[in-house]
Amino acid sequence: YLQSVLPVTDYYKKFNGHTSRWQTVPEINKG
């Protein structure tokens, strides 16, 4: 079962490397 990658948020100002690229996630899930 391929589970879609979960969204992320920069609301908490943590994990900048992950959360600053949040727009990549929908692209991955489409693929």
All heavy atoms as atom14 arrays in JSON, in Angstrom:
{
  "sequence": "YLQSVLPVTDYYKKFNGHTSRWQTVPEINKG",
  "atom14_mask": [
    [1, 1, 1, 1, 1, 1, 1, 1, 1, 1, 1, 1, 0, 0],
    [1, 1, 1, 1, 1, 1, 1, 1, 0, 0, 0, 0, 0, 0],
    [1, 1, 1, 1, 1, 1, 1, 1, 1, 0, 0, 0, 0, 0],
    [1, 1, 1, 1, 1, 1, 0, 0, 0, 0, 0, 0, 0, 0],
    [1, 1, 1, 1, 1, 1, 1, 0, 0, 0, 0, 0, 0, 0],
    [1, 1, 1, 1, 1, 1, 1, 1, 0, 0, 0, 0, 0, 0],
    [1, 1, 1, 1, 1, 1, 1, 0, 0, 0, 0, 0, 0, 0],
    [1, 1, 1, 1, 1, 1, 1, 0, 0, 0, 0, 0, 0, 0],
    [1, 1, 1, 1, 1, 1, 1, 0, 0, 0, 0, 0, 0, 0],
    [1, 1, 1, 1, 1, 1, 1, 1, 0, 0, 0, 0, 0, 0],
    [1, 1, 1, 1, 1, 1, 1, 1, 1, 1, 1, 1, 0, 0],
    [1, 1, 1, 1, 1, 1, 1, 1, 1, 1, 1, 1, 0, 0],
    [1, 1, 1, 1, 1, 1, 1, 1, 1, 0, 0, 0, 0, 0],
    [1, 1, 1, 1, 1, 1, 1, 1, 1, 0, 0, 0, 0, 0],
    [1, 1, 1, 1, 1, 1, 1, 1, 1, 1, 1, 0, 0, 0],
    [1, 1, 1, 1, 1, 1, 1, 1, 0, 0, 0, 0, 0, 0],
    [1, 1, 1, 1, 0, 0, 0, 0, 0, 0, 0, 0, 0, 0],
    [1, 1, 1, 1, 1, 1, 1, 1, 1, 1, 0, 0, 0, 0],
    [1, 1, 1, 1, 1, 1, 1, 0, 0, 0, 0, 0, 0, 0],
    [1, 1, 1, 1, 1, 1, 0, 0, 0, 0, 0, 0, 0, 0],
    [1, 1, 1, 1, 1, 1, 1, 1, 1, 1, 1, 0, 0, 0],
    [1, 1, 1, 1, 1, 1, 1, 1, 1, 1, 1, 1, 1, 1],
    [1, 1, 1, 1, 1, 1, 1, 1, 1, 0, 0, 0, 0, 0],
    [1, 1, 1, 1, 1, 1, 1, 0, 0, 0, 0, 0, 0, 0],
    [1, 1, 1, 1, 1, 1, 1, 0, 0, 0, 0, 0, 0, 0],
    [1, 1, 1, 1, 1, 1, 1, 0, 0, 0, 0, 0, 0, 0],
    [1, 1, 1, 1, 1, 1, 1, 1, 1, 0, 0, 0, 0, 0],
    [1, 1, 1, 1, 1, 1, 1, 1, 0, 0, 0, 0, 0, 0],
    [1, 1, 1, 1, 1, 1, 1, 1, 0, 0, 0, 0, 0, 0],
    [1, 1, 1, 1, 1, 1, 1, 1, 1, 0, 0, 0, 0, 0],
    [1, 1, 1, 1, 0, 0, 0, 0, 0, 0, 0, 0, 0, 0]
  ],
  "atom14_positions": [
    [[0.85, -1.19, 0.0], [0.0, 0.0, 0.0], [0.89, 1.24, 0.0], [1.72, 1.41, 0.9], [-0.89, 0.02, 1.24], [-1.89, -1.13, 1.29], [-1.51, -2.38, 1.78], [-3.21, -0.95, 0.87], [-2.41, -3.43, 1.83], [-4.12, -2.01, 0.93], [-3.71, -3.24, 1.4], [-4.61, -4.27, 1.45], [0.0, 0.0, 0.0], [0.0, 0.0, 0.0]],
    [[0.73, 2.09, -1.0], [1.46, 3.34, -1.06], [0.63, 4.43, -0.39], [-0.42, 4.82, -0.9], [1.75, 3.74, -2.51], [2.66, 2.83, -3.33], [2.89, 3.43, -4.72], [3.99, 2.6, -2.62], [0.0, 0.0, 0.0], [0.0, 0.0, 0.0], [0.0, 0.0, 0.0], [0.0, 0.0, 0.0], [0.0, 0.0, 0.0], [0.0, 0.0, 0.0]],
    [[1.09, 4.89, 0.74], [0.39, 5.97, 1.44], [0.95, 7.31, 0.99], [2.16, 7.48, 0.86], [0.57, 5.81, 2.95], [0.01, 4.5, 3.49], [0.3, 4.33, 4.97], [-0.55, 4.57, 5.81], [1.51, 3.93, 5.29], [0.0, 0.0, 0.0], [0.0, 0.0, 0.0], [0.0, 0.0, 0.0], [0.0, 0.0, 0.0], [0.0, 0.0, 0.0]],
    [[0.06, 8.25, 0.76], [0.5, 9.57, 0.34], [1.35, 10.22, 1.43], [1.17, 9.96, 2.61], [-0.71, 10.46, 0.03], [-1.45, 10.72, 1.21], [0.0, 0.0, 0.0], [0.0, 0.0, 0.0], [0.0, 0.0, 0.0], [0.0, 0.0, 0.0], [0.0, 0.0, 0.0], [0.0, 0.0, 0.0], [0.0, 0.0, 0.0], [0.0, 0.0, 0.0]],
    [[2.3, 11.04, 1.0], [3.1, 11.8, 1.95], [2.19, 12.81, 2.64], [1.33, 13.44, 2.01], [4.27, 12.52, 1.24], [5.06, 13.38, 2.22], [5.18, 11.49, 0.58], [0.0, 0.0, 0.0], [0.0, 0.0, 0.0], [0.0, 0.0, 0.0], [0.0, 0.0, 0.0], [0.0, 0.0, 0.0], [0.0, 0.0, 0.0], [0.0, 0.0, 0.0]],
    [[2.36, 12.95, 3.94], [1.53, 13.87, 4.72], [1.95, 15.32, 4.47], [3.12, 15.6, 4.2], [1.66, 13.57, 6.21], [1.02, 12.27, 6.69], [1.5, 11.95, 8.1], [-0.5, 12.35, 6.65], [0.0, 0.0, 0.0], [0.0, 0.0, 0.0], [0.0, 0.0, 0.0], [0.0, 0.0, 0.0], [0.0, 0.0, 0.0], [0.0, 0.0, 0.0]],
    [[1.02, 16.25, 4.58], [1.39, 17.67, 4.48], [2.24, 18.08, 5.68], [2.27, 17.38, 6.7], [0.04, 18.39, 4.48], [-0.89, 17.46, 5.19], [-0.42, 16.07, 4.85], [0.0, 0.0, 0.0], [0.0, 0.0, 0.0], [0.0, 0.0, 0.0], [0.0, 0.0, 0.0], [0.0, 0.0, 0.0], [0.0, 0.0, 0.0], [0.0, 0.0, 0.0]],
    [[2.92, 19.19, 5.55], [3.7, 19.78, 6.64], [3.3, 21.24, 6.78], [2.61, 21.79, 5.92], [5.22, 19.67, 6.37], [5.67, 18.21, 6.39], [5.59, 20.32, 5.03], [0.0, 0.0, 0.0], [0.0, 0.0, 0.0], [0.0, 0.0, 0.0], [0.0, 0.0, 0.0], [0.0, 0.0, 0.0], [0.0, 0.0, 0.0], [0.0, 0.0, 0.0]],
    [[3.73, 21.88, 7.86], [3.43, 23.29, 8.04], [4.59, 24.01, 8.71], [5.26, 23.45, 9.59], [2.14, 23.51, 8.86], [1.94, 24.92, 9.05], [2.21, 22.85, 10.22], [0.0, 0.0, 0.0], [0.0, 0.0, 0.0], [0.0, 0.0, 0.0], [0.0, 0.0, 0.0], [0.0, 0.0, 0.0], [0.0, 0.0, 0.0], [0.0, 0.0, 0.0]],
    [[4.8, 25.25, 8.29], [5.84, 26.09, 8.9], [5.3, 26.94, 10.04], [5.97, 27.83, 10.54], [6.5, 26.98, 7.84], [5.47, 27.78, 7.03], [4.27, 27.77, 7.39], [5.88, 28.42, 6.04], [0.0, 0.0, 0.0], [0.0, 0.0, 0.0], [0.0, 0.0, 0.0], [0.0, 0.0, 0.0], [0.0, 0.0, 0.0], [0.0, 0.0, 0.0]],
    [[4.1, 26.64, 10.48], [3.43, 27.41, 11.52], [4.27, 27.48, 12.8], [4.32, 28.52, 13.47], [2.07, 26.77, 11.82], [1.28, 27.44, 12.92], [0.46, 28.55, 12.65], [1.32, 26.96, 14.24], [-0.28, 29.15, 13.65], [0.59, 27.57, 15.24], [-0.21, 28.66, 14.95], [-0.94, 29.27, 15.95], [0.0, 0.0, 0.0], [0.0, 0.0, 0.0]],
    [[4.95, 26.38, 13.13], [5.7, 26.32, 14.39], [7.17, 26.74, 14.23], [7.93, 26.69, 15.2], [5.63, 24.9, 14.96], [4.23, 24.48, 15.33], [3.48, 23.66, 14.48], [3.64, 24.91, 16.52], [2.18, 23.27, 14.82], [2.35, 24.52, 16.86], [1.62, 23.71, 16.0], [0.34, 23.35, 16.33], [0.0, 0.0, 0.0], [0.0, 0.0, 0.0]],
    [[7.56, 27.09, 13.0], [8.94, 27.55, 12.73], [9.98, 26.48, 13.1], [11.07, 26.79, 13.6], [9.25, 28.86, 13.48], [8.21, 29.94, 13.31], [8.01, 30.34, 11.85], [6.97, 31.45, 11.72], [6.64, 31.73, 10.3], [0.0, 0.0, 0.0], [0.0, 0.0, 0.0], [0.0, 0.0, 0.0], [0.0, 0.0, 0.0], [0.0, 0.0, 0.0]],
    [[9.64, 25.23, 12.87], [10.56, 24.11, 13.13], [10.72, 23.29, 11.85], [9.91, 23.37, 10.94], [10.03, 23.22, 14.26], [9.92, 23.92, 15.61], [9.4, 22.95, 16.67], [9.32, 23.64, 18.04], [8.81, 22.71, 19.08], [0.0, 0.0, 0.0], [0.0, 0.0, 0.0], [0.0, 0.0, 0.0], [0.0, 0.0, 0.0], [0.0, 0.0, 0.0]],
    [[11.79, 22.5, 11.81], [12.05, 21.63, 10.65], [11.96, 22.41, 9.34], [11.25, 22.01, 8.42], [11.09, 20.44, 10.65], [11.26, 19.52, 11.82], [10.39, 19.59, 12.9], [12.3, 18.6, 11.86], [10.56, 18.75, 14.0], [12.47, 17.76, 12.95], [11.6, 17.84, 14.02], [0.0, 0.0, 0.0], [0.0, 0.0, 0.0], [0.0, 0.0, 0.0]],
    [[12.7, 23.48, 9.27], [12.63, 24.37, 8.11], [12.94, 23.66, 6.8], [12.34, 23.96, 5.76], [13.59, 25.56, 8.3], [13.49, 26.55, 7.17], [12.45, 27.14, 6.93], [14.59, 26.75, 6.44], [0.0, 0.0, 0.0], [0.0, 0.0, 0.0], [0.0, 0.0, 0.0], [0.0, 0.0, 0.0], [0.0, 0.0, 0.0], [0.0, 0.0, 0.0]],
    [[13.88, 22.72, 6.85], [14.23, 21.99, 5.63], [13.05, 21.23, 5.05], [12.92, 21.09, 3.83], [0.0, 0.0, 0.0], [0.0, 0.0, 0.0], [0.0, 0.0, 0.0], [0.0, 0.0, 0.0], [0.0, 0.0, 0.0], [0.0, 0.0, 0.0], [0.0, 0.0, 0.0], [0.0, 0.0, 0.0], [0.0, 0.0, 0.0], [0.0, 0.0, 0.0]],
    [[12.19, 20.75, 5.92], [10.99, 20.03, 5.48], [9.86, 21.0, 5.15], [9.24, 20.91, 4.09], [10.49, 19.08, 6.58], [11.48, 18.06, 7.03], [12.55, 18.36, 7.83], [11.54, 16.72, 6.8], [13.24, 17.26, 8.08], [12.65, 16.25, 7.47], [0.0, 0.0, 0.0], [0.0, 0.0, 0.0], [0.0, 0.0, 0.0], [0.0, 0.0, 0.0]],
    [[9.59, 21.9, 6.08], [8.37, 22.71, 5.97], [8.46, 23.83, 4.94], [7.43, 24.26, 4.41], [8.0, 23.3, 7.34], [9.05, 24.16, 7.8], [7.79, 22.19, 8.37], [0.0, 0.0, 0.0], [0.0, 0.0, 0.0], [0.0, 0.0, 0.0], [0.0, 0.0, 0.0], [0.0, 0.0, 0.0], [0.0, 0.0, 0.0], [0.0, 0.0, 0.0]],
    [[9.66, 24.29, 4.64], [9.79, 25.36, 3.64], [9.55, 24.84, 2.23], [9.32, 25.63, 1.3], [11.18, 26.01, 3.72], [12.2, 25.07, 3.38], [0.0, 0.0, 0.0], [0.0, 0.0, 0.0], [0.0, 0.0, 0.0], [0.0, 0.0, 0.0], [0.0, 0.0, 0.0], [0.0, 0.0, 0.0], [0.0, 0.0, 0.0], [0.0, 0.0, 0.0]],
    [[9.57, 23.52, 2.07], [9.36, 22.91, 0.75], [8.0, 22.2, 0.7], [7.84, 21.2, 0.0], [10.49, 21.93, 0.45], [11.88, 22.57, 0.39], [12.96, 21.54, 0.05], [14.26, 22.16, -0.13], [15.21, 22.22, 0.8], [14.97, 21.71, 2.01], [16.36, 22.79, 0.56], [0.0, 0.0, 0.0], [0.0, 0.0, 0.0], [0.0, 0.0, 0.0]],
    [[7.03, 22.72, 1.42], [5.73, 22.07, 1.55], [5.02, 21.86, 0.22], [4.23, 20.92, 0.05], [4.84, 22.85, 2.52], [4.54, 24.27, 2.09], [5.29, 25.37, 2.36], [3.42, 24.72, 1.32], [4.71, 26.49, 1.81], [3.56, 26.12, 1.17], [2.31, 24.09, 0.76], [2.64, 26.9, 0.46], [1.39, 24.86, 0.05], [1.56, 26.25, -0.08]],
    [[5.33, 22.7, -0.77], [4.66, 22.58, -2.06], [5.12, 21.37, -2.87], [4.48, 20.99, -3.85], [4.87, 23.87, -2.87], [4.12, 25.06, -2.27], [4.54, 26.38, -2.91], [5.72, 26.69, -2.99], [3.57, 27.16, -3.33], [0.0, 0.0, 0.0], [0.0, 0.0, 0.0], [0.0, 0.0, 0.0], [0.0, 0.0, 0.0], [0.0, 0.0, 0.0]],
    [[6.23, 20.75, -2.44], [6.71, 19.54, -3.12], [5.82, 18.34, -2.83], [5.71, 17.43, -3.65], [8.17, 19.22, -2.68], [8.98, 20.36, -2.87], [8.75, 18.06, -3.47], [0.0, 0.0, 0.0], [0.0, 0.0, 0.0], [0.0, 0.0, 0.0], [0.0, 0.0, 0.0], [0.0, 0.0, 0.0], [0.0, 0.0, 0.0], [0.0, 0.0, 0.0]],
    [[5.17, 18.35, -1.68], [4.4, 17.18, -1.24], [3.27, 16.82, -2.21], [3.14, 15.65, -2.59], [3.88, 17.38, 0.2], [2.96, 16.23, 0.6], [5.06, 17.49, 1.17], [0.0, 0.0, 0.0], [0.0, 0.0, 0.0], [0.0, 0.0, 0.0], [0.0, 0.0, 0.0], [0.0, 0.0, 0.0], [0.0, 0.0, 0.0], [0.0, 0.0, 0.0]],
    [[2.43, 17.76, -2.64], [1.38, 17.4, -3.6], [1.94, 16.83, -4.91], [1.32, 15.95, -5.52], [0.64, 18.71, -3.84], [0.92, 19.55, -2.65], [2.31, 19.18, -2.22], [0.0, 0.0, 0.0], [0.0, 0.0, 0.0], [0.0, 0.0, 0.0], [0.0, 0.0, 0.0], [0.0, 0.0, 0.0], [0.0, 0.0, 0.0], [0.0, 0.0, 0.0]],
    [[3.11, 17.3, -5.32], [3.75, 16.77, -6.53], [4.13, 15.31, -6.35], [3.92, 14.49, -7.25], [5.0, 17.57, -6.87], [4.77, 19.03, -7.25], [6.1, 19.74, -7.51], [6.92, 19.18, -8.26], [6.31, 20.82, -6.94], [0.0, 0.0, 0.0], [0.0, 0.0, 0.0], [0.0, 0.0, 0.0], [0.0, 0.0, 0.0], [0.0, 0.0, 0.0]],
    [[4.68, 15.0, -5.19], [5.04, 13.6, -4.89], [3.79, 12.73, -4.92], [3.77, 11.66, -5.53], [5.71, 13.48, -3.51], [7.02, 14.27, -3.47], [5.97, 12.01, -3.16], [7.59, 14.41, -2.07], [0.0, 0.0, 0.0], [0.0, 0.0, 0.0], [0.0, 0.0, 0.0], [0.0, 0.0, 0.0], [0.0, 0.0, 0.0], [0.0, 0.0, 0.0]],
    [[2.74, 13.19, -4.27], [1.53, 12.39, -4.18], [0.88, 12.16, -5.54], [0.33, 11.08, -5.79], [0.55, 13.05, -3.2], [1.05, 12.99, -1.77], [1.85, 12.13, -1.42], [0.58, 13.9, -0.93], [0.0, 0.0, 0.0], [0.0, 0.0, 0.0], [0.0, 0.0, 0.0], [0.0, 0.0, 0.0], [0.0, 0.0, 0.0], [0.0, 0.0, 0.0]],
    [[0.97, 13.14, -6.39], [0.46, 12.97, -7.77], [1.24, 11.86, -8.46], [0.67, 11.0, -9.13], [0.59, 14.28, -8.54], [0.01, 14.22, -9.95], [0.14, 15.57, -10.64], [-0.41, 15.5, -12.07], [-0.25, 16.82, -12.77], [0.0, 0.0, 0.0], [0.0, 0.0, 0.0], [0.0, 0.0, 0.0], [0.0, 0.0, 0.0], [0.0, 0.0, 0.0]],
    [[2.57, 11.87, -8.27], [3.41, 10.83, -8.85], [3.15, 9.46, -8.25], [3.17, 8.45, -8.96], [0.0, 0.0, 0.0], [0.0, 0.0, 0.0], [0.0, 0.0, 0.0], [0.0, 0.0, 0.0], [0.0, 0.0, 0.0], [0.0, 0.0, 0.0], [0.0, 0.0, 0.0], [0.0, 0.0, 0.0], [0.0, 0.0, 0.0], [0.0, 0.0, 0.0]]
  ]
}
